[in-house]
Amino acid sequence: MTRPRSPDYDNIQESIVKQAASLFAHRGYAATSINDIAAACACSKSRLYHYFESKEAILVFMLTEHVDRLLAGCTDILSGREDDIARFKRLIRFFMEVYAVSSDKHAVMLTCLEFLPPGVRKDVVRKQRQLIQVVTDILTKLRPDRGKNESSAHVDAMLFFGMINWTYTWFQPDGRVLPTELADRAVSLFLDGYMKSKVF
């Protein structure tokens, strides 16, 4: 008979993921053992295995959940009726709010993909490309002249992600600047130049 789940199963599982994300982000996936994760969670290895069968399973759950959350948020925002600039601003606010509360997961996403099983890694990368395409499509609508060149439009989107993706290395979400304020500043800095820039 399958052992029934406790009422707080999901909360405990998320707590394990949070502790593992911190270790993976700051120590590295390869340098972190299942013993390290158990110690960080103040539990035994056997208890840890009740929630995840391996360190790899934790990584798979963590990154799949993270990218799925980002995609779900994008889908919700794209279904709105705002103009493209308002939609772009809302989209980046969403990204920054997620990054602020999930900075360790985001760091793991950027640095530990190589440790995922090939099939899972392929799926996560595919979803990352969907996120990039969302931004590419919005930028193309804002500047159709730049969007005529598919390669150029992709580069523009990647430049923007390059500006926001590494904020986890320095941004303090509990500091003087709120994630929404940082997002608005990023949008303003980028669009002020983007809307006036020449097409190359």
C-alpha atoms as a PDB file:
ATOM      1  CA  MET A   1       0.000   0.000   0.000  1.00  0.00           C
ATOM      2  CA  THR A   2       1.268   3.472  -0.908  1.00  0.00           C
ATOM      3  CA  ARG A   3       2.131   5.611   2.064  1.00  0.00           C
ATOM      4  CA  PRO A   4      -0.376   8.516   2.271  1.00  0.00           C
ATOM      5  CA  ARG A   5       0.899  12.068   1.955  1.00  0.00           C
ATOM      6  CA  SER A   6       0.851  14.250   5.039  1.00  0.00           C
ATOM      7  CA  PRO A   7      -1.210  17.474   4.914  1.00  0.00           C
ATOM      8  CA  ASP A   8       1.974  19.558   4.885  1.00  0.00           C
ATOM      9  CA  TYR A   9       3.719  17.447   2.206  1.00  0.00           C
ATOM     10  CA  ASP A  10       3.828  20.241  -0.377  1.00  0.00           C
ATOM     11  CA  ASN A  11       5.135  22.787   2.128  1.00  0.00           C
ATOM     12  CA  ILE A  12       7.912  20.469   3.260  1.00  0.00           C
ATOM     13  CA  GLN A  13       8.790  19.635  -0.320  1.00  0.00           C
ATOM     14  CA  GLU A  14       9.030  23.329  -1.195  1.00  0.00           C
ATOM     15  CA  SER A  15      11.189  23.920   1.881  1.00  0.00           C
ATOM     16  CA  ILE A  16      13.587  21.213   0.693  1.00  0.00           C
ATOM     17  CA  VAL A  17      13.720  22.783  -2.755  1.00  0.00           C
ATOM     18  CA  LYS A  18      14.430  26.203  -1.240  1.00  0.00           C
ATOM     19  CA  GLN A  19      17.314  24.885   0.855  1.00  0.00           C
ATOM     20  CA  ALA A  20      18.718  22.918  -2.076  1.00  0.00           C
ATOM     21  CA  ALA A  21      18.460  25.958  -4.358  1.00  0.00           C
ATOM     22  CA  SER A  22      20.496  28.007  -1.893  1.00  0.00           C
ATOM     23  CA  LEU A  23      23.193  25.314  -1.756  1.00  0.00           C
ATOM     24  CA  PHE A  24      23.265  24.807  -5.543  1.00  0.00           C
ATOM     25  CA  ALA A  25      23.412  28.559  -6.157  1.00  0.00           C
ATOM     26  CA  HIS A  26      26.179  29.333  -3.672  1.00  0.00           C
ATOM     27  CA  ARG A  27      28.180  26.109  -3.521  1.00  0.00           C
ATOM     28  CA  GLY A  28      27.431  24.577  -6.912  1.00  0.00           C
ATOM     29  CA  TYR A  29      25.397  21.517  -7.847  1.00  0.00           C
ATOM     30  CA  ALA A  30      28.352  19.151  -8.196  1.00  0.00           C
ATOM     31  CA  ALA A  31      29.839  20.229  -4.867  1.00  0.00           C
ATOM     32  CA  THR A  32      26.566  19.707  -2.981  1.00  0.00           C
ATOM     33  CA  SER A  33      25.753  16.253  -1.646  1.00  0.00           C
ATOM     34  CA  ILE A  34      22.449  14.797  -0.553  1.00  0.00           C
ATOM     35  CA  ASN A  35      23.921  14.835   2.972  1.00  0.00           C
ATOM     36  CA  ASP A  36      24.456  18.590   2.666  1.00  0.00           C
ATOM     37  CA  ILE A  37      20.832  19.081   1.669  1.00  0.00           C
ATOM     38  CA  ALA A  38      19.591  16.908   4.532  1.00  0.00           C
ATOM     39  CA  ALA A  39      21.737  18.876   6.982  1.00  0.00           C
ATOM     40  CA  ALA A  40      20.430  22.191   5.654  1.00  0.00           C
ATOM     41  CA  CYS A  41      16.885  20.889   6.078  1.00  0.00           C
ATOM     42  CA  ALA A  42      17.661  19.568   9.576  1.00  0.00           C
ATOM     43  CA  CYS A  43      16.372  16.138   8.645  1.00  0.00           C
ATOM     44  CA  SER A  44      17.677  12.659   7.927  1.00  0.00           C
ATOM     45  CA  LYS A  45      18.507  11.363   4.467  1.00  0.00           C
ATOM     46  CA  SER A  46      15.709   8.828   4.757  1.00  0.00           C
ATOM     47  CA  ARG A  47      13.204  11.612   5.416  1.00  0.00           C
ATOM     48  CA  LEU A  48      14.583  13.550   2.452  1.00  0.00           C
ATOM     49  CA  TYR A  49      14.130  10.511   0.214  1.00  0.00           C
ATOM     50  CA  HIS A  50      10.448  10.447   1.174  1.00  0.00           C
ATOM     51  CA  TYR A  51      10.083  13.667  -0.842  1.00  0.00           C
ATOM     52  CA  PHE A  52      12.734  13.250  -3.533  1.00  0.00           C
ATOM     53  CA  GLU A  53      14.424  10.092  -4.741  1.00  0.00           C
ATOM     54  CA  SER A  54      17.723  11.830  -5.516  1.00  0.00           C
ATOM     55  CA  LYS A  55      19.603  15.110  -5.729  1.00  0.00           C
ATOM     56  CA  GLU A  56      18.914  15.095  -9.463  1.00  0.00           C
ATOM     57  CA  ALA A  57      15.182  14.759  -8.804  1.00  0.00           C
ATOM     58  CA  ILE A  58      15.329  17.909  -6.677  1.00  0.00           C
ATOM     59  CA  LEU A  59      17.054  19.795  -9.490  1.00  0.00           C
ATOM     60  CA  VAL A  60      14.511  18.562 -12.044  1.00  0.00           C
ATOM     61  CA  PHE A  61      11.571  19.593  -9.855  1.00  0.00           C
ATOM     62  CA  MET A  62      13.156  22.951  -9.055  1.00  0.00           C
ATOM     63  CA  LEU A  63      13.930  24.093 -12.580  1.00  0.00           C
ATOM     64  CA  THR A  64      10.796  22.665 -14.174  1.00  0.00           C
ATOM     65  CA  GLU A  65       8.636  24.452 -11.605  1.00  0.00           C
ATOM     66  CA  HIS A  66      10.588  27.701 -12.030  1.00  0.00           C
ATOM     67  CA  VAL A  67      10.357  27.890 -15.819  1.00  0.00           C
ATOM     68  CA  ASP A  68       6.722  26.741 -15.787  1.00  0.00           C
ATOM     69  CA  ARG A  69       5.873  29.526 -13.356  1.00  0.00           C
ATOM     70  CA  LEU A  70       7.481  32.093 -15.646  1.00  0.00           C
ATOM     71  CA  LEU A  71       5.639  30.760 -18.692  1.00  0.00           C
ATOM     72  CA  ALA A  72       2.298  30.683 -16.894  1.00  0.00           C
ATOM     73  CA  GLY A  73       2.753  34.307 -15.866  1.00  0.00           C
ATOM     74  CA  CYS A  74       3.619  35.291 -19.429  1.00  0.00           C
ATOM     75  CA  THR A  75       0.510  33.555 -20.753  1.00  0.00           C
ATOM     76  CA  ASP A  76      -1.652  35.430 -18.277  1.00  0.00           C
ATOM     77  CA  ILE A  77      -0.096  38.784 -19.157  1.00  0.00           C
ATOM     78  CA  LEU A  78      -0.384  38.221 -22.908  1.00  0.00           C
ATOM     79  CA  SER A  79      -4.089  37.531 -22.505  1.00  0.00           C
ATOM     80  CA  GLY A  80      -4.624  41.083 -21.233  1.00  0.00           C
ATOM     81  CA  ARG A  81      -5.850  43.988 -23.317  1.00  0.00           C
ATOM     82  CA  GLU A  82      -3.158  46.568 -22.542  1.00  0.00           C
ATOM     83  CA  ASP A  83      -1.182  48.296 -25.262  1.00  0.00           C
ATOM     84  CA  ASP A  84       2.205  46.796 -26.073  1.00  0.00           C
ATOM     85  CA  ILE A  85       4.238  49.159 -23.902  1.00  0.00           C
ATOM     86  CA  ALA A  86       1.993  48.507 -20.895  1.00  0.00           C
ATOM     87  CA  ARG A  87       2.176  44.775 -21.569  1.00  0.00           C
ATOM     88  CA  PHE A  88       5.980  44.915 -21.816  1.00  0.00           C
ATOM     89  CA  LYS A  89       6.164  46.840 -18.542  1.00  0.00           C
ATOM     90  CA  ARG A  90       3.858  44.363 -16.812  1.00  0.00           C
ATOM     91  CA  LEU A  91       5.848  41.432 -18.181  1.00  0.00           C
ATOM     92  CA  ILE A  92       9.154  42.729 -16.857  1.00  0.00           C
ATOM     93  CA  ARG A  93       7.589  43.590 -13.511  1.00  0.00           C
ATOM     94  CA  PHE A  94       6.480  39.972 -13.292  1.00  0.00           C
ATOM     95  CA  PHE A  95       9.959  38.662 -14.159  1.00  0.00           C
ATOM     96  CA  MET A  96      11.603  40.888 -11.554  1.00  0.00           C
ATOM     97  CA  GLU A  97       9.099  39.967  -8.847  1.00  0.00           C
ATOM     98  CA  VAL A  98       9.751  36.269  -9.471  1.00  0.00           C
ATOM     99  CA  TYR A  99      13.516  36.805  -9.563  1.00  0.00           C
ATOM    100  CA  ALA A 100      13.344  38.737  -6.282  1.00  0.00           C
ATOM    101  CA  VAL A 101      11.667  35.927  -4.336  1.00  0.00           C
ATOM    102  CA  SER A 102      13.357  33.078  -6.229  1.00  0.00           C
ATOM    103  CA  SER A 103      16.856  34.430  -6.769  1.00  0.00           C
ATOM    104  CA  ASP A 104      18.539  31.139  -5.844  1.00  0.00           C
ATOM    105  CA  LYS A 105      16.326  29.167  -8.234  1.00  0.00           C
ATOM    106  CA  HIS A 106      17.036  31.692 -10.948  1.00  0.00           C
ATOM    107  CA  ALA A 107      20.780  31.421 -10.316  1.00  0.00           C
ATOM    108  CA  VAL A 108      20.518  27.623 -10.568  1.00  0.00           C
ATOM    109  CA  MET A 109      18.566  27.997 -13.821  1.00  0.00           C
ATOM    110  CA  LEU A 110      21.389  30.075 -15.292  1.00  0.00           C
ATOM    111  CA  THR A 111      24.279  27.947 -14.043  1.00  0.00           C
ATOM    112  CA  CYS A 112      23.195  24.320 -13.557  1.00  0.00           C
ATOM    113  CA  LEU A 113      21.271  23.274 -16.678  1.00  0.00           C
ATOM    114  CA  GLU A 114      24.083  20.928 -17.697  1.00  0.00           C
ATOM    115  CA  PHE A 115      23.285  18.650 -14.746  1.00  0.00           C
ATOM    116  CA  LEU A 116      19.712  17.954 -15.848  1.00  0.00           C
ATOM    117  CA  PRO A 117      18.939  14.662 -17.626  1.00  0.00           C
ATOM    118  CA  PRO A 118      19.122  15.284 -21.410  1.00  0.00           C
ATOM    119  CA  GLY A 119      15.373  15.016 -21.990  1.00  0.00           C
ATOM    120  CA  VAL A 120      14.505  17.371 -19.147  1.00  0.00           C
ATOM    121  CA  ARG A 121      17.244  19.808 -20.143  1.00  0.00           C
ATOM    122  CA  LYS A 122      15.886  19.887 -23.687  1.00  0.00           C
ATOM    123  CA  ASP A 123      12.397  20.650 -22.383  1.00  0.00           C
ATOM    124  CA  VAL A 124      13.594  23.410 -20.035  1.00  0.00           C
ATOM    125  CA  VAL A 125      15.661  25.008 -22.820  1.00  0.00           C
ATOM    126  CA  ARG A 126      12.629  24.859 -25.123  1.00  0.00           C
ATOM    127  CA  LYS A 127      10.583  26.709 -22.513  1.00  0.00           C
ATOM    128  CA  GLN A 128      13.345  29.263 -22.010  1.00  0.00           C
ATOM    129  CA  ARG A 129      13.234  29.924 -25.745  1.00  0.00           C
ATOM    130  CA  GLN A 130       9.493  30.440 -25.481  1.00  0.00           C
ATOM    131  CA  LEU A 131      10.122  33.120 -22.860  1.00  0.00           C
ATOM    132  CA  ILE A 132      12.651  34.786 -25.131  1.00  0.00           C
ATOM    133  CA  GLN A 133      10.186  34.629 -28.010  1.00  0.00           C
ATOM    134  CA  VAL A 134       7.528  36.363 -25.907  1.00  0.00           C
ATOM    135  CA  VAL A 135       9.848  39.335 -25.387  1.00  0.00           C
ATOM    136  CA  THR A 136      11.005  39.224 -29.022  1.00  0.00           C
ATOM    137  CA  ASP A 137       7.409  39.391 -30.229  1.00  0.00           C
ATOM    138  CA  ILE A 138       6.551  42.363 -28.021  1.00  0.00           C
ATOM    139  CA  LEU A 139       9.670  44.270 -29.058  1.00  0.00           C
ATOM    140  CA  THR A 140       8.850  43.556 -32.701  1.00  0.00           C
ATOM    141  CA  LYS A 141       5.414  45.090 -32.210  1.00  0.00           C
ATOM    142  CA  LEU A 142       6.968  48.148 -30.600  1.00  0.00           C
ATOM    143  CA  ARG A 143       9.478  48.572 -33.440  1.00  0.00           C
ATOM    144  CA  PRO A 144       8.234  46.740 -36.558  1.00  0.00           C
ATOM    145  CA  ASP A 145      11.135  48.168 -38.548  1.00  0.00           C
ATOM    146  CA  ARG A 146      13.627  46.391 -36.269  1.00  0.00           C
ATOM    147  CA  GLY A 147      11.523  43.228 -36.244  1.00  0.00           C
ATOM    148  CA  LYS A 148      11.809  42.769 -40.002  1.00  0.00           C
ATOM    149  CA  ASN A 149      15.168  41.119 -39.397  1.00  0.00           C
ATOM    150  CA  GLU A 150      14.484  38.027 -37.271  1.00  0.00           C
ATOM    151  CA  SER A 151      18.099  37.733 -36.168  1.00  0.00           C
ATOM    152  CA  SER A 152      18.219  41.393 -35.108  1.00  0.00           C
ATOM    153  CA  ALA A 153      14.955  41.069 -33.171  1.00  0.00           C
ATOM    154  CA  HIS A 154      16.346  38.042 -31.313  1.00  0.00           C
ATOM    155  CA  VAL A 155      19.531  39.936 -30.465  1.00  0.00           C
ATOM    156  CA  ASP A 156      17.481  42.822 -29.085  1.00  0.00           C
ATOM    157  CA  ALA A 157      15.547  40.431 -26.823  1.00  0.00           C
ATOM    158  CA  MET A 158      18.745  38.769 -25.632  1.00  0.00           C
ATOM    159  CA  LEU A 159      20.284  42.153 -24.843  1.00  0.00           C
ATOM    160  CA  PHE A 160      17.296  42.923 -22.667  1.00  0.00           C
ATOM    161  CA  PHE A 161      17.479  39.592 -20.853  1.00  0.00           C
ATOM    162  CA  GLY A 162      21.180  40.223 -20.389  1.00  0.00           C
ATOM    163  CA  MET A 163      20.249  43.378 -18.505  1.00  0.00           C
ATOM    164  CA  ILE A 164      17.747  41.755 -16.127  1.00  0.00           C
ATOM    165  CA  ASN A 165      18.849  38.137 -15.763  1.00  0.00           C
ATOM    166  CA  TRP A 166      21.906  38.820 -13.623  1.00  0.00           C
ATOM    167  CA  THR A 167      20.294  41.224 -11.183  1.00  0.00           C
ATOM    168  CA  TYR A 168      20.220  38.339  -8.694  1.00  0.00           C
ATOM    169  CA  THR A 169      23.968  38.826  -8.194  1.00  0.00           C
ATOM    170  CA  TRP A 170      23.542  42.272  -6.658  1.00  0.00           C
ATOM    171  CA  PHE A 171      19.898  43.240  -6.148  1.00  0.00           C
ATOM    172  CA  GLN A 172      18.551  43.153  -2.593  1.00  0.00           C
ATOM    173  CA  PRO A 173      14.732  42.796  -2.743  1.00  0.00           C
ATOM    174  CA  ASP A 174      14.424  43.978   0.858  1.00  0.00           C
ATOM    175  CA  GLY A 175      16.547  47.057   0.174  1.00  0.00           C
ATOM    176  CA  ARG A 176      15.598  50.631  -0.714  1.00  0.00           C
ATOM    177  CA  VAL A 177      14.482  49.776  -4.265  1.00  0.00           C
ATOM    178  CA  LEU A 178      11.474  47.509  -4.725  1.00  0.00           C
ATOM    179  CA  PRO A 179      11.437  44.829  -7.465  1.00  0.00           C
ATOM    180  CA  THR A 180       8.634  46.733  -9.238  1.00  0.00           C
ATOM    181  CA  GLU A 181      10.698  49.928  -9.153  1.00  0.00           C
ATOM    182  CA  LEU A 182      13.721  48.105 -10.543  1.00  0.00           C
ATOM    183  CA  ALA A 183      11.546  46.640 -13.300  1.00  0.00           C
ATOM    184  CA  ASP A 184      10.175  50.063 -14.228  1.00  0.00           C
ATOM    185  CA  ARG A 185      13.691  51.470 -14.355  1.00  0.00           C
ATOM    186  CA  ALA A 186      14.881  48.614 -16.579  1.00  0.00           C
ATOM    187  CA  VAL A 187      11.954  49.131 -18.950  1.00  0.00           C
ATOM    188  CA  SER A 188      12.549  52.877 -19.074  1.00  0.00           C
ATOM    189  CA  LEU A 189      16.296  52.580 -19.699  1.00  0.00           C
ATOM    190  CA  PHE A 190      15.825  49.973 -22.387  1.00  0.00           C
ATOM    191  CA  LEU A 191      12.837  51.478 -24.205  1.00  0.00           C
ATOM    192  CA  ASP A 192      14.182  55.038 -24.190  1.00  0.00           C
ATOM    193  CA  GLY A 193      17.053  53.816 -26.324  1.00  0.00           C
ATOM    194  CA  TYR A 194      15.218  51.075 -28.179  1.00  0.00           C
ATOM    195  CA  MET A 195      12.420  53.281 -29.482  1.00  0.00           C
ATOM    196  CA  LYS A 196      14.922  55.839 -30.850  1.00  0.00           C
ATOM    197  CA  SER A 197      17.727  53.574 -32.025  1.00  0.00           C
ATOM    198  CA  LYS A 198      18.708  53.165 -35.649  1.00  0.00           C
ATOM    199  CA  VAL A 199      18.159  49.899 -37.491  1.00  0.00           C
ATOM    200  CA  PHE A 200      21.428  48.147 -38.279  1.00  0.00           C
END
